[in-house]
Amino acid sequence: MSQRTSATRYAKALLEVAIAESDPSTIERDLATLSDAMQGHADLRRALTSPGVPQSGRENVARAVAAQAGVQPPVAKLFALLAERGRLDLVPTILEVYRERLLAHANVVRALVTSAAPLPADRIEALMTALARVTGKKVRLDTRVEPSLIGGVVTQIGSTVYDGSISTQLARMRQQLVENA
């Protein structure tokens, strides 16, 4: 079973518990705190994931870290369970999947808009409104600047890409000219 598949199962269960017993946004912040602690401190990461550390030691460290961080009970229980199963390496992936599921639960879709130059606020707002109308969901929009586009925008929602860039249009015109020559 892949790491992503395992992480998805844990994230799904955590979100269900969070919805029933707690605040899902608080759970996300707590999970991020533990993930950041593991990624930011090499010694802690080694103590939590190294096969050279006895399982009971990893479990004790995990409980102490969760208590010190003051995380909500569902996150503390998940962290202890992952330590018990030797799966603490999944925490960053669980966080990623949890965030995706939390957005889906809130009926929010993420979109990435890439443009040749920075977009003014009114243009960003218009894009968000249009994308919300198309998707039927609230839109969380990230923007990126890529001067090689020359002009226009490229919008990505999930795996769907809408390419309205000048560079792509020029490439299509060039291809048509080559084919018709």
Protein backbone atom coordinates (compact mmCIF):
# COMPACT_ATOMS: atom_id res chain seq x y z
CA MET A 1 0.00 0.00 0.00
CA SER A 2 1.41 3.39 -0.96
CA GLN A 3 2.12 6.13 1.53
CA ARG A 4 -0.54 8.33 -0.08
CA THR A 5 -3.17 5.60 0.29
CA SER A 6 -2.33 5.04 3.94
CA ALA A 7 -2.24 8.77 4.62
CA THR A 8 -5.62 9.18 2.93
CA ARG A 9 -7.19 6.63 5.26
CA TYR A 10 -5.83 8.36 8.35
CA ALA A 11 -6.78 11.84 7.06
CA LYS A 12 -10.32 10.72 6.21
CA ALA A 13 -10.82 9.21 9.67
CA LEU A 14 -9.34 12.29 11.37
CA LEU A 15 -11.65 14.62 9.44
CA GLU A 16 -14.69 12.52 10.35
CA VAL A 17 -13.73 12.66 14.03
CA ALA A 18 -12.96 16.39 13.79
CA ILE A 19 -16.38 17.13 12.28
CA ALA A 20 -18.14 15.06 14.93
CA GLU A 21 -16.15 16.05 18.03
CA SER A 22 -14.09 19.15 17.42
CA ASP A 23 -13.31 22.06 15.08
CA PRO A 24 -11.77 20.78 11.80
CA SER A 25 -9.73 23.98 11.35
CA THR A 26 -8.20 23.65 14.81
CA ILE A 27 -7.34 20.04 14.07
CA GLU A 28 -5.62 21.16 10.85
CA ARG A 29 -3.53 23.71 12.75
CA ASP A 30 -2.59 21.14 15.40
CA LEU A 31 -1.58 18.59 12.78
CA ALA A 32 0.47 21.28 11.01
CA THR A 33 2.20 22.12 14.31
CA LEU A 34 3.30 18.50 14.77
CA SER A 35 4.35 18.17 11.13
CA ASP A 36 6.38 21.39 11.31
CA ALA A 37 8.02 20.24 14.55
CA MET A 38 9.06 16.96 12.95
CA GLN A 39 10.34 18.58 9.78
CA GLY A 40 12.06 21.45 11.56
CA HIS A 41 13.96 19.43 14.14
CA ALA A 42 16.13 16.64 12.78
CA ASP A 43 16.80 15.12 16.23
CA LEU A 44 13.08 14.94 16.98
CA ARG A 45 12.38 13.40 13.57
CA ARG A 46 15.06 10.77 14.17
CA ALA A 47 13.71 9.99 17.63
CA LEU A 48 10.21 9.55 16.21
CA THR A 49 11.00 7.62 13.03
CA SER A 50 14.30 5.81 13.51
CA PRO A 51 14.08 2.03 13.70
CA GLY A 52 17.05 2.21 16.09
CA VAL A 53 14.83 3.80 18.75
CA PRO A 54 12.70 1.21 20.58
CA GLN A 55 8.98 1.41 19.82
CA SER A 56 8.15 2.26 23.43
CA GLY A 57 10.63 5.15 23.26
CA ARG A 58 9.05 6.49 20.05
CA GLU A 59 5.60 6.25 21.63
CA ASN A 60 6.74 8.11 24.77
CA VAL A 61 8.38 10.85 22.69
CA ALA A 62 5.24 11.16 20.54
CA ARG A 63 2.99 11.51 23.58
CA ALA A 64 5.34 14.06 25.15
CA VAL A 65 5.53 16.13 21.94
CA ALA A 66 1.74 16.11 21.53
CA ALA A 67 1.27 17.13 25.17
CA GLN A 68 3.92 19.86 24.95
CA ALA A 69 2.30 21.22 21.77
CA GLY A 70 -1.11 21.23 23.46
CA VAL A 71 -2.87 19.63 20.50
CA GLN A 72 -6.52 18.56 20.52
CA PRO A 73 -7.26 14.98 21.70
CA PRO A 74 -8.01 13.59 18.20
CA VAL A 75 -4.61 14.75 16.94
CA ALA A 76 -2.81 13.49 20.06
CA LYS A 77 -4.50 10.08 19.67
CA LEU A 78 -3.58 9.90 15.98
CA PHE A 79 0.02 10.87 16.73
CA ALA A 80 0.27 8.16 19.41
CA LEU A 81 -1.34 5.59 17.08
CA LEU A 82 1.12 6.44 14.30
CA ALA A 83 4.01 6.09 16.76
CA GLU A 84 2.68 2.72 17.92
CA ARG A 85 2.47 1.52 14.31
CA GLY A 86 5.80 3.05 13.29
CA ARG A 87 4.09 5.31 10.74
CA LEU A 88 5.01 8.81 11.93
CA ASP A 89 6.72 9.36 8.59
CA LEU A 90 3.18 9.76 7.18
CA VAL A 91 2.41 12.94 9.15
CA PRO A 92 3.29 15.45 6.35
CA THR A 93 1.28 13.48 3.79
CA ILE A 94 -1.65 13.09 6.20
CA LEU A 95 -1.59 16.88 6.67
CA GLU A 96 -1.61 17.44 2.90
CA VAL A 97 -4.55 15.06 2.36
CA TYR A 98 -6.40 16.43 5.39
CA ARG A 99 -6.15 19.95 3.97
CA GLU A 100 -7.52 18.76 0.62
CA ARG A 101 -10.43 17.00 2.30
CA LEU A 102 -11.10 19.98 4.56
CA LEU A 103 -11.40 22.25 1.52
CA ALA A 104 -13.72 19.75 -0.18
CA HIS A 105 -15.83 19.56 2.98
CA ALA A 106 -16.12 23.36 2.98
CA ASN A 107 -17.09 23.28 -0.74
CA VAL A 108 -13.92 25.17 -1.68
CA VAL A 109 -11.81 24.53 -4.75
CA ARG A 110 -8.23 25.72 -5.20
CA ALA A 111 -7.22 27.37 -8.43
CA LEU A 112 -3.84 28.53 -9.66
CA VAL A 113 -3.75 31.43 -12.10
CA THR A 114 -0.49 32.11 -13.88
CA SER A 115 -0.09 35.38 -15.78
CA ALA A 116 2.68 37.20 -17.62
CA ALA A 117 2.50 40.15 -15.21
CA PRO A 118 0.99 40.67 -11.76
CA LEU A 119 -2.80 40.91 -11.93
CA PRO A 120 -4.63 43.88 -10.40
CA ALA A 121 -6.99 43.13 -7.51
CA ASP A 122 -10.14 43.80 -9.58
CA ARG A 123 -9.02 41.29 -12.24
CA ILE A 124 -8.31 38.67 -9.54
CA GLU A 125 -11.75 39.27 -8.05
CA ALA A 126 -13.38 38.92 -11.50
CA LEU A 127 -11.51 35.65 -12.08
CA MET A 128 -12.61 34.30 -8.69
CA THR A 129 -16.23 35.19 -9.44
CA ALA A 130 -16.11 33.56 -12.89
CA LEU A 131 -14.43 30.41 -11.55
CA ALA A 132 -16.96 30.18 -8.71
CA ARG A 133 -19.76 30.37 -11.24
CA VAL A 134 -18.16 27.67 -13.44
CA THR A 135 -17.32 25.28 -10.59
CA GLY A 136 -20.30 25.97 -8.36
CA LYS A 137 -17.91 26.21 -5.40
CA LYS A 138 -16.08 28.87 -3.45
CA VAL A 139 -12.68 29.51 -4.99
CA ARG A 140 -9.37 29.91 -3.21
CA LEU A 141 -7.13 31.53 -5.79
CA ASP A 142 -3.35 31.47 -5.87
CA THR A 143 -1.53 33.60 -8.42
CA ARG A 144 1.86 33.21 -10.01
CA VAL A 145 3.77 35.34 -12.52
CA GLU A 146 5.49 33.70 -15.51
CA PRO A 147 6.79 36.30 -18.01
CA SER A 148 7.29 33.65 -20.73
CA LEU A 149 3.49 33.56 -21.21
CA ILE A 150 3.79 36.94 -22.96
CA GLY A 151 0.14 37.75 -22.10
CA GLY A 152 -3.15 36.15 -21.09
CA VAL A 153 -3.56 33.68 -18.25
CA VAL A 154 -3.32 29.97 -17.56
CA THR A 155 -5.78 28.69 -14.95
CA GLN A 156 -5.45 25.30 -13.28
CA ILE A 157 -8.22 23.78 -11.18
CA GLY A 158 -7.23 20.33 -10.00
CA SER A 159 -5.98 18.50 -13.08
CA THR A 160 -7.91 20.72 -15.53
CA VAL A 161 -5.94 23.48 -17.25
CA TYR A 162 -7.46 26.39 -19.15
CA ASP A 163 -4.67 27.92 -21.23
CA GLY A 164 -5.45 31.37 -22.62
CA SER A 165 -1.86 32.51 -22.87
CA ILE A 166 -0.45 34.34 -25.86
CA SER A 167 2.55 31.99 -25.98
CA THR A 168 0.24 28.97 -26.43
CA GLN A 169 -1.81 30.75 -29.08
CA LEU A 170 1.37 31.64 -30.96
CA ALA A 171 2.56 28.03 -30.73
CA ARG A 172 -0.76 26.82 -32.17
CA MET A 173 -0.57 29.32 -35.01
CA ARG A 174 2.98 28.23 -35.77
CA GLN A 175 1.93 24.57 -35.80
CA GLN A 176 -0.94 25.35 -38.20
CA LEU A 177 1.39 27.26 -40.52
CA VAL A 178 3.86 24.35 -40.52
CA GLU A 179 1.10 21.83 -41.24
CA ASN A 180 -0.39 23.95 -44.07
CA ALA A 181 2.95 24.74 -45.72
